[in-house]
Amino acid sequence: MTRRAWLAFAAMSFIWGVPYLLIRIAVRHGVPPGSLAFGRVALAAVVLLALAWRAGTLRTLRGHWMALLAYAVAEVAIPFPAIAFGEQRISSSLSAILISTMPLLIALLAFRINRSQRPTPTRALGLLLGFGGVVALVGIDIAGKSSELVGAVAILIAAVGYTIGSTLVNLHLTRLDPRATMGASLGIAAVLLAPYAALDRPQAVPGAGAIAAVVVLGLLCTAVAFVIFTVLIAEAGTSRASIITYINPVVAVILGVGLLGEQLGPGAIVGLVLILAGSWLATAGRLPPGMDRLLLPAAQRRDRRRRPERSVSFSQLGELDQGDRVEHEHDREADRPAIEIALDERAATEGSAARTHAESTGESGVLARVHQDQKDQDDAHKYLQGTEDGNHVGLDGSR
């Protein structure tokens, strides 16, 4: 990666590990969940909408307001107050660990979107490990404590919201300007959160530290962080940018333990390791070197050794016979994230239906547009095949 990409990567790894600490500080010093969520969202919306207006990109949102509304609800209006509510009852460290289950939930949602996709043994192992980590954390450190259990459930609801939000972006909002998309979504969420904030007001004027925490959450951890994240995507690509998902909870745990004096129980430690390992396996579908020998049947290992290497260049691919090319493409397809495959197949189905309709009705203009859309999709596939395999990250970076 370039120097600029490394700087953006380092910044995002830290910035999106900070919100859990700041939320904990705010709620412990008199800022209720509704007011906290509204203040953070409103500040970020003002900044991003101003940037989008200056760039002249707000007009690109026409015709996408229902998708923006759904995204605002799933990604912001529900998760932000839910996390603040949860952190009134559990530590910032536990909150960050529970939010890190999001890649597992994305993998499950991908299987739901495309029922023809079945988890490979590796991805199934990842799901088992990841959710085993949640069970270990809740069962060992939280079991029997009703207040903390309610807080943990609220955090997991937020993780589900983030998962749905990321999927909505991939389905409906990827072609829009990100500043306009996030700015409009945060603006909508601010309107939705306003009544809740009016009812959930502080009983007294919060201290300077709590107010500062809300301001930093809105300006740094939401608005500025999003701008930096777009730079990271442009410089390093989505695959490498997604690695911050595994670093953020570690940063949050270090900050919680070091600055707030939080203590991790054995369940939290075991849960963190299992959740991160399970997320990596469930989304990337790879095992550490040598592990496949322990988990894959001997026949399957022999079949894998007979296949061409996945690093075959374009010129080498042309020299392979037809059978080898089919196996090589099958390998590449098996390694792609399930969510990407599901979305591609949905797009292909919609394009095929539109083309059939155009041919039957003689609408040559529609047919031409369908062919052009299909050509654009094919060009995008060629680009994706030239990049490293990895996970998709939502516009918010999947905090």
Protein backbone atom coordinates (compact mmCIF):
# COMPACT_ATOMS: atom_id res chain seq x y z
CA MET A 1 0.00 0.00 0.00
CA THR A 2 1.02 3.62 -0.45
CA ARG A 3 2.13 5.82 2.43
CA ARG A 4 -1.20 7.65 2.25
CA ALA A 5 -3.07 4.34 2.46
CA TRP A 6 -1.05 3.25 5.52
CA LEU A 7 -1.80 6.54 7.27
CA ALA A 8 -5.51 6.20 6.51
CA PHE A 9 -5.47 2.57 7.65
CA ALA A 10 -3.78 3.46 10.95
CA ALA A 11 -6.20 6.33 11.53
CA MET A 12 -9.29 4.20 10.89
CA SER A 13 -8.04 1.29 12.99
CA PHE A 14 -7.84 3.67 15.94
CA ILE A 15 -10.76 6.03 15.28
CA TRP A 16 -13.40 3.33 15.00
CA GLY A 17 -12.11 1.65 18.13
CA VAL A 18 -12.69 4.85 20.13
CA PRO A 19 -16.53 5.24 20.03
CA TYR A 20 -17.15 2.58 22.68
CA LEU A 21 -14.93 4.45 25.15
CA LEU A 22 -16.59 7.80 24.40
CA ILE A 23 -20.11 6.36 24.62
CA ARG A 24 -19.28 4.84 28.00
CA ILE A 25 -17.93 8.17 29.24
CA ALA A 26 -21.02 10.06 28.04
CA VAL A 27 -23.63 7.71 29.51
CA ARG A 28 -21.77 7.49 32.84
CA HIS A 29 -21.78 11.28 33.13
CA GLY A 30 -25.40 12.06 32.53
CA VAL A 31 -26.07 11.85 28.78
CA PRO A 32 -29.00 9.46 28.16
CA PRO A 33 -29.02 7.19 25.07
CA GLY A 34 -31.58 9.22 23.09
CA SER A 35 -29.78 12.54 23.51
CA LEU A 36 -26.40 10.94 22.86
CA ALA A 37 -27.50 9.29 19.62
CA PHE A 38 -29.26 12.41 18.35
CA GLY A 39 -26.35 14.73 19.17
CA ARG A 40 -23.82 12.50 17.46
CA VAL A 41 -25.95 11.97 14.37
CA ALA A 42 -27.00 15.60 13.96
CA LEU A 43 -23.42 16.89 14.12
CA ALA A 44 -22.18 14.38 11.57
CA ALA A 45 -25.15 15.02 9.27
CA VAL A 46 -24.45 18.76 9.17
CA VAL A 47 -20.80 18.19 8.22
CA LEU A 48 -21.42 15.57 5.53
CA LEU A 49 -24.42 17.32 3.99
CA ALA A 50 -22.33 20.49 3.73
CA LEU A 51 -19.57 18.55 1.94
CA ALA A 52 -22.08 16.90 -0.40
CA TRP A 53 -23.79 20.23 -1.14
CA ARG A 54 -20.44 21.86 -1.91
CA ALA A 55 -19.60 18.98 -4.28
CA GLY A 56 -23.03 19.23 -5.94
CA THR A 57 -23.82 15.54 -5.39
CA LEU A 58 -27.09 15.76 -3.45
CA ARG A 59 -29.12 15.66 -6.66
CA THR A 60 -27.86 12.11 -7.30
CA LEU A 61 -30.09 10.90 -4.46
CA ARG A 62 -33.32 11.33 -6.44
CA GLY A 63 -35.27 8.10 -6.65
CA HIS A 64 -33.34 6.47 -3.77
CA TRP A 65 -35.15 7.89 -0.76
CA MET A 66 -36.80 4.64 0.31
CA ALA A 67 -33.44 2.86 0.32
CA LEU A 68 -31.91 5.76 2.25
CA LEU A 69 -34.74 5.62 4.79
CA ALA A 70 -34.30 1.87 5.29
CA TYR A 71 -30.54 2.34 5.65
CA ALA A 72 -30.98 5.20 8.14
CA VAL A 73 -33.24 3.06 10.31
CA ALA A 74 -31.14 -0.12 10.19
CA GLU A 75 -27.68 1.47 10.36
CA VAL A 76 -28.20 4.52 12.58
CA ALA A 77 -31.59 5.09 14.21
CA ILE A 78 -31.64 1.67 15.91
CA PRO A 79 -27.95 0.79 16.55
CA PHE A 80 -26.74 4.15 17.90
CA PRO A 81 -29.19 4.43 20.83
CA ALA A 82 -29.06 0.65 21.35
CA ILE A 83 -25.29 0.77 21.90
CA ALA A 84 -25.64 3.72 24.30
CA PHE A 85 -28.42 1.85 26.15
CA GLY A 86 -26.26 -1.28 26.33
CA GLU A 87 -23.23 0.59 27.62
CA GLN A 88 -25.25 1.84 30.57
CA ARG A 89 -25.19 -1.79 31.69
CA ILE A 90 -22.00 -3.40 30.34
CA SER A 91 -18.46 -2.18 29.77
CA SER A 92 -17.17 -0.61 26.57
CA SER A 93 -14.85 -3.60 26.10
CA LEU A 94 -17.68 -6.13 26.13
CA SER A 95 -19.69 -3.90 23.78
CA ALA A 96 -16.88 -3.81 21.23
CA ILE A 97 -16.43 -7.59 21.42
CA LEU A 98 -20.14 -8.19 20.82
CA ILE A 99 -20.25 -5.74 17.89
CA SER A 100 -17.35 -7.65 16.31
CA THR A 101 -19.83 -10.47 15.57
CA MET A 102 -21.02 -8.44 12.58
CA PRO A 103 -18.95 -10.37 9.97
CA LEU A 104 -20.58 -13.58 11.23
CA LEU A 105 -24.03 -12.08 10.80
CA ILE A 106 -23.13 -10.87 7.31
CA ALA A 107 -22.11 -14.41 6.37
CA LEU A 108 -25.44 -15.78 7.65
CA LEU A 109 -27.39 -13.10 5.79
CA ALA A 110 -25.55 -13.96 2.59
CA PHE A 111 -26.73 -17.56 2.84
CA ARG A 112 -30.27 -16.28 3.37
CA ILE A 113 -30.18 -14.01 0.31
CA ASN A 114 -28.91 -16.80 -1.92
CA ARG A 115 -30.23 -20.14 -0.73
CA SER A 116 -28.22 -21.99 -3.37
CA GLN A 117 -25.08 -20.99 -1.51
CA ARG A 118 -24.09 -23.51 1.14
CA PRO A 119 -21.35 -22.79 3.67
CA THR A 120 -18.09 -24.57 2.98
CA PRO A 121 -16.60 -26.65 5.81
CA THR A 122 -14.22 -23.79 6.58
CA ARG A 123 -16.95 -21.16 6.74
CA ALA A 124 -19.18 -23.46 8.79
CA LEU A 125 -16.29 -23.88 11.22
CA GLY A 126 -15.94 -20.09 11.36
CA LEU A 127 -19.61 -19.62 12.19
CA LEU A 128 -19.39 -22.29 14.87
CA LEU A 129 -16.31 -20.72 16.45
CA GLY A 130 -17.69 -17.20 16.29
CA PHE A 131 -21.03 -17.91 17.87
CA GLY A 132 -19.30 -20.19 20.34
CA GLY A 133 -17.35 -17.09 21.38
CA VAL A 134 -20.62 -15.22 22.01
CA VAL A 135 -21.89 -18.11 24.11
CA ALA A 136 -18.63 -18.19 26.08
CA LEU A 137 -18.74 -14.44 26.74
CA VAL A 138 -22.39 -14.34 27.77
CA GLY A 139 -22.38 -17.67 29.58
CA ILE A 140 -19.23 -17.09 31.64
CA ASP A 141 -19.11 -13.33 32.30
CA ILE A 142 -22.76 -12.20 32.08
CA ALA A 143 -24.88 -15.21 33.05
CA GLY A 144 -27.05 -14.56 36.09
CA LYS A 145 -26.75 -10.76 35.84
CA SER A 146 -30.07 -9.63 34.39
CA SER A 147 -29.09 -5.99 33.85
CA GLU A 148 -25.90 -6.92 31.98
CA LEU A 149 -27.76 -9.53 29.97
CA VAL A 150 -30.24 -6.87 28.78
CA GLY A 151 -27.29 -4.64 27.83
CA ALA A 152 -25.64 -7.46 25.86
CA VAL A 153 -28.88 -8.14 23.96
CA ALA A 154 -29.12 -4.44 23.05
CA ILE A 155 -25.57 -4.51 21.67
CA LEU A 156 -26.32 -7.62 19.61
CA ILE A 157 -29.43 -5.88 18.21
CA ALA A 158 -27.14 -3.05 17.13
CA ALA A 159 -24.85 -5.57 15.42
CA VAL A 160 -27.84 -6.97 13.51
CA GLY A 161 -28.77 -3.44 12.45
CA TYR A 162 -25.24 -2.77 11.18
CA THR A 163 -25.41 -6.04 9.21
CA ILE A 164 -28.68 -5.12 7.52
CA GLY A 165 -27.41 -1.60 6.84
CA SER A 166 -24.27 -2.84 5.12
CA THR A 167 -26.33 -5.19 2.97
CA LEU A 168 -28.69 -2.38 1.97
CA VAL A 169 -25.71 -0.31 0.83
CA ASN A 170 -24.42 -3.15 -1.32
CA LEU A 171 -27.86 -3.76 -2.82
CA HIS A 172 -29.04 -0.22 -3.51
CA LEU A 173 -26.57 2.58 -2.74
CA THR A 174 -23.14 1.68 -4.10
CA ARG A 175 -23.44 3.86 -7.22
CA LEU A 176 -24.20 7.04 -5.28
CA ASP A 177 -21.76 9.60 -3.95
CA PRO A 178 -20.81 8.40 -0.44
CA ARG A 179 -20.84 11.89 1.11
CA ALA A 180 -24.38 12.45 -0.11
CA THR A 181 -25.50 8.95 0.89
CA MET A 182 -24.17 9.11 4.45
CA GLY A 183 -25.10 12.77 4.92
CA ALA A 184 -28.71 12.19 3.82
CA SER A 185 -28.98 8.97 5.84
CA LEU A 186 -27.71 10.68 8.98
CA GLY A 187 -30.06 13.61 8.36
CA ILE A 188 -33.03 11.22 8.10
CA ALA A 189 -31.87 9.40 11.22
CA ALA A 190 -31.59 12.70 13.10
CA VAL A 191 -35.23 13.48 12.27
CA LEU A 192 -36.28 10.01 13.42
CA LEU A 193 -34.29 10.29 16.65
CA ALA A 194 -35.49 13.79 17.53
CA PRO A 195 -38.71 12.70 19.32
CA TYR A 196 -36.80 10.07 21.30
CA ALA A 197 -34.16 12.63 22.25
CA ALA A 198 -36.88 15.07 23.38
CA LEU A 199 -38.31 12.42 25.70
CA ASP A 200 -34.92 11.11 26.86
CA ARG A 201 -33.34 14.38 27.99
CA PRO A 202 -30.59 14.69 30.62
CA GLN A 203 -31.88 15.23 34.14
CA ALA A 204 -29.13 17.81 34.69
CA VAL A 205 -26.65 19.64 32.53
CA PRO A 206 -23.95 17.08 31.62
CA GLY A 207 -20.35 17.80 32.50
CA ALA A 208 -17.81 19.19 30.08
CA GLY A 209 -16.29 15.73 29.58
CA ALA A 210 -19.60 14.19 28.57
CA ILE A 211 -20.38 17.01 26.13
CA ALA A 212 -16.89 16.74 24.65
CA ALA A 213 -17.41 13.00 24.19
CA VAL A 214 -20.60 13.61 22.17
CA VAL A 215 -18.88 16.23 20.01
CA VAL A 216 -15.91 13.97 19.28
CA LEU A 217 -18.28 11.10 18.47
CA GLY A 218 -20.14 13.22 15.94
CA LEU A 219 -17.28 15.07 14.31
CA LEU A 220 -14.33 12.67 14.53
CA CYS A 221 -15.78 9.17 14.87
CA THR A 222 -18.58 9.68 12.34
CA ALA A 223 -18.03 12.59 9.92
CA VAL A 224 -14.22 12.86 9.70
CA ALA A 225 -13.78 9.09 9.98
CA PHE A 226 -16.06 8.54 7.02
CA VAL A 227 -14.03 10.92 4.85
CA ILE A 228 -10.81 9.14 5.84
CA PHE A 229 -12.41 5.78 5.13
CA THR A 230 -13.24 6.81 1.57
CA VAL A 231 -9.56 7.68 1.12
CA LEU A 232 -8.58 4.25 2.43
CA ILE A 233 -10.98 2.51 0.03
CA ALA A 234 -9.60 4.51 -2.90
CA GLU A 235 -5.95 3.89 -2.01
CA ALA A 236 -6.01 0.29 -0.77
CA GLY A 237 -9.26 -1.25 -2.01
CA THR A 238 -12.15 -2.79 -0.13
CA SER A 239 -10.33 -6.03 0.72
CA ARG A 240 -7.52 -4.42 2.67
CA ALA A 241 -9.78 -1.74 4.14
CA SER A 242 -11.96 -4.44 5.68
CA ILE A 243 -9.10 -5.57 7.94
CA ILE A 244 -9.94 -2.73 10.35
CA THR A 245 -12.99 -4.80 11.37
CA TYR A 246 -10.62 -7.11 13.25
CA ILE A 247 -8.49 -4.34 14.78
CA ASN A 248 -11.24 -2.04 16.10
CA PRO A 249 -12.40 -4.31 18.97
CA VAL A 250 -8.81 -4.86 20.10
CA VAL A 251 -8.29 -1.08 20.23
CA ALA A 252 -11.56 -0.69 22.14
CA VAL A 253 -10.54 -3.31 24.69
CA ILE A 254 -7.14 -1.68 25.22
CA LEU A 255 -8.75 1.74 25.75
CA GLY A 256 -11.42 0.38 28.08
CA VAL A 257 -8.93 -1.49 30.23
CA GLY A 258 -6.25 1.20 30.16
CA LEU A 259 -8.34 4.37 30.57
CA LEU A 260 -11.50 3.22 32.34
CA GLY A 261 -10.01 0.46 34.46
CA GLU A 262 -12.32 -2.17 33.00
CA GLN A 263 -11.45 -5.77 33.74
CA LEU A 264 -11.87 -8.58 31.25
CA GLY A 265 -13.17 -11.86 32.61
CA PRO A 266 -12.16 -15.22 31.17
CA GLY A 267 -15.33 -15.32 29.07
CA ALA A 268 -14.48 -12.00 27.41
CA ILE A 269 -10.96 -13.11 26.56
CA VAL A 270 -12.06 -16.45 25.13
CA GLY A 271 -14.99 -14.81 23.38
CA LEU A 272 -12.83 -12.16 21.70
CA VAL A 273 -10.40 -14.74 20.32
CA LEU A 274 -13.15 -17.06 19.08
CA ILE A 275 -15.27 -14.28 17.56
CA LEU A 276 -12.36 -12.75 15.63
CA ALA A 277 -11.09 -16.13 14.45
CA GLY A 278 -14.58 -17.25 13.49
CA SER A 279 -15.30 -14.00 11.64
CA TRP A 280 -12.11 -14.37 9.63
CA LEU A 281 -12.89 -17.95 8.64
CA ALA A 282 -16.58 -17.32 7.96
CA THR A 283 -15.97 -14.37 5.64
CA ALA A 284 -12.62 -15.12 4.00
CA GLY A 285 -13.09 -18.87 3.92
CA ARG A 286 -9.43 -19.68 4.56
CA LEU A 287 -7.58 -21.64 7.18
CA PRO A 288 -4.06 -21.00 8.48
CA PRO A 289 -1.39 -22.99 6.60
CA GLY A 290 -1.54 -26.67 7.50
CA MET A 291 -4.94 -26.57 9.18
CA ASP A 292 -6.69 -27.83 6.05
CA ARG A 293 -4.85 -31.12 6.50
CA LEU A 294 -6.65 -31.65 9.79
CA LEU A 295 -10.14 -30.65 8.63
CA LEU A 296 -10.50 -31.54 4.96
CA PRO A 297 -10.96 -35.12 3.74
CA ALA A 298 -7.97 -36.65 1.99
CA ALA A 299 -9.81 -36.90 -1.34
CA GLN A 300 -10.71 -33.23 -1.23
CA ARG A 301 -7.09 -32.26 -0.49
CA ARG A 302 -5.89 -34.33 -3.45
CA ASP A 303 -8.49 -32.66 -5.69
CA ARG A 304 -7.35 -29.22 -4.51
CA ARG A 305 -3.69 -30.05 -5.29
CA ARG A 306 -4.63 -31.10 -8.84
CA ARG A 307 -6.26 -27.73 -9.58
CA PRO A 308 -4.26 -24.85 -11.09
CA GLU A 309 -2.94 -22.22 -8.70
CA ARG A 310 -5.30 -19.30 -8.12
CA SER A 311 -2.52 -16.88 -8.95
CA VAL A 312 -2.58 -17.87 -12.63
CA SER A 313 -2.03 -14.78 -14.75
CA PHE A 314 -4.28 -13.73 -17.62
CA SER A 315 -1.78 -14.91 -20.23
CA GLN A 316 -1.28 -18.25 -18.48
CA LEU A 317 -5.01 -18.74 -18.23
CA GLY A 318 -5.25 -18.56 -22.01
CA GLU A 319 -2.80 -21.48 -22.30
CA LEU A 320 -4.85 -23.82 -20.11
CA ASP A 321 -7.20 -26.30 -21.73
CA GLN A 322 -10.95 -25.88 -21.36
CA GLY A 323 -11.30 -28.31 -18.45
CA ASP A 324 -8.57 -26.61 -16.43
CA ARG A 325 -10.08 -23.19 -17.09
CA VAL A 326 -13.43 -24.39 -15.76
CA GLU A 327 -11.79 -25.73 -12.58
CA HIS A 328 -9.76 -22.54 -12.15
CA GLU A 329 -12.86 -20.36 -12.41
CA HIS A 330 -14.68 -22.71 -10.01
CA ASP A 331 -11.87 -22.16 -7.48
CA ARG A 332 -12.13 -18.39 -7.81
CA GLU A 333 -15.90 -18.55 -7.38
CA ALA A 334 -15.57 -20.67 -4.24
CA ASP A 335 -13.26 -18.12 -2.64
CA ARG A 336 -15.43 -15.08 -3.30
CA PRO A 337 -17.42 -13.77 -0.31
CA ALA A 338 -20.91 -15.25 -0.23
CA ILE A 339 -22.55 -11.84 -0.04
CA GLU A 340 -20.83 -10.80 -3.31
CA ILE A 341 -21.94 -13.96 -5.08
CA ALA A 342 -25.52 -13.53 -3.87
CA LEU A 343 -25.71 -9.94 -5.08
CA ASP A 344 -24.17 -10.81 -8.46
CA GLU A 345 -26.62 -13.63 -9.06
CA ARG A 346 -29.54 -11.39 -8.15
CA ALA A 347 -28.32 -8.75 -10.63
CA ALA A 348 -27.88 -11.39 -13.34
CA THR A 349 -31.44 -12.67 -12.77
CA GLU A 350 -32.91 -9.17 -13.01
CA GLY A 351 -30.94 -8.45 -16.18
CA SER A 352 -32.08 -11.70 -17.81
CA ALA A 353 -35.74 -10.95 -17.03
CA ALA A 354 -35.46 -7.43 -18.44
CA ARG A 355 -33.78 -8.70 -21.62
CA THR A 356 -36.47 -11.32 -22.18
CA HIS A 357 -39.19 -8.70 -21.78
CA ALA A 358 -37.46 -6.33 -24.19
CA GLU A 359 -37.04 -9.01 -26.84
CA SER A 360 -40.68 -10.06 -26.58
CA THR A 361 -42.04 -6.51 -26.81
CA GLY A 362 -39.58 -5.15 -29.36
CA GLU A 363 -38.40 -2.36 -27.05
CA SER A 364 -34.99 -1.92 -28.63
CA GLY A 365 -34.11 1.07 -26.42
CA VAL A 366 -34.71 -0.94 -23.26
CA LEU A 367 -32.74 -3.85 -24.69
CA ALA A 368 -29.83 -1.58 -25.46
CA ARG A 369 -29.82 -0.29 -21.90
CA VAL A 370 -29.94 -3.83 -20.53
CA HIS A 371 -26.98 -4.82 -22.70
CA GLN A 372 -25.05 -1.77 -21.55
CA ASP A 373 -25.79 -2.56 -17.88
CA GLN A 374 -24.62 -6.11 -18.42
CA LYS A 375 -21.42 -4.85 -20.07
CA ASP A 376 -20.80 -2.56 -17.08
CA GLN A 377 -21.29 -5.50 -14.75
CA ASP A 378 -18.86 -7.64 -16.76
CA ASP A 379 -16.26 -4.86 -16.62
CA ALA A 380 -16.70 -4.66 -12.87
CA HIS A 381 -16.20 -8.44 -12.61
CA LYS A 382 -12.92 -8.19 -14.51
CA TYR A 383 -11.74 -5.55 -12.08
CA LEU A 384 -12.83 -7.56 -9.03
CA GLN A 385 -11.06 -10.65 -10.31
CA GLY A 386 -7.85 -8.67 -10.47
CA THR A 387 -8.01 -7.64 -6.83
CA GLU A 388 -7.41 -9.65 -3.72
CA ASP A 389 -10.31 -11.65 -2.31
CA GLY A 390 -11.78 -10.07 0.80
CA ASN A 391 -14.86 -8.86 2.63
CA HIS A 392 -17.12 -6.02 1.65
CA VAL A 393 -17.39 -3.23 4.12
CA GLY A 394 -20.38 -0.95 4.42
CA LEU A 395 -20.03 2.80 3.95
CA ASP A 396 -19.83 3.24 7.68
CA GLY A 397 -16.86 0.86 7.86
CA SER A 398 -18.78 -1.62 10.04
CA ARG A 399 -17.82 -0.11 13.37
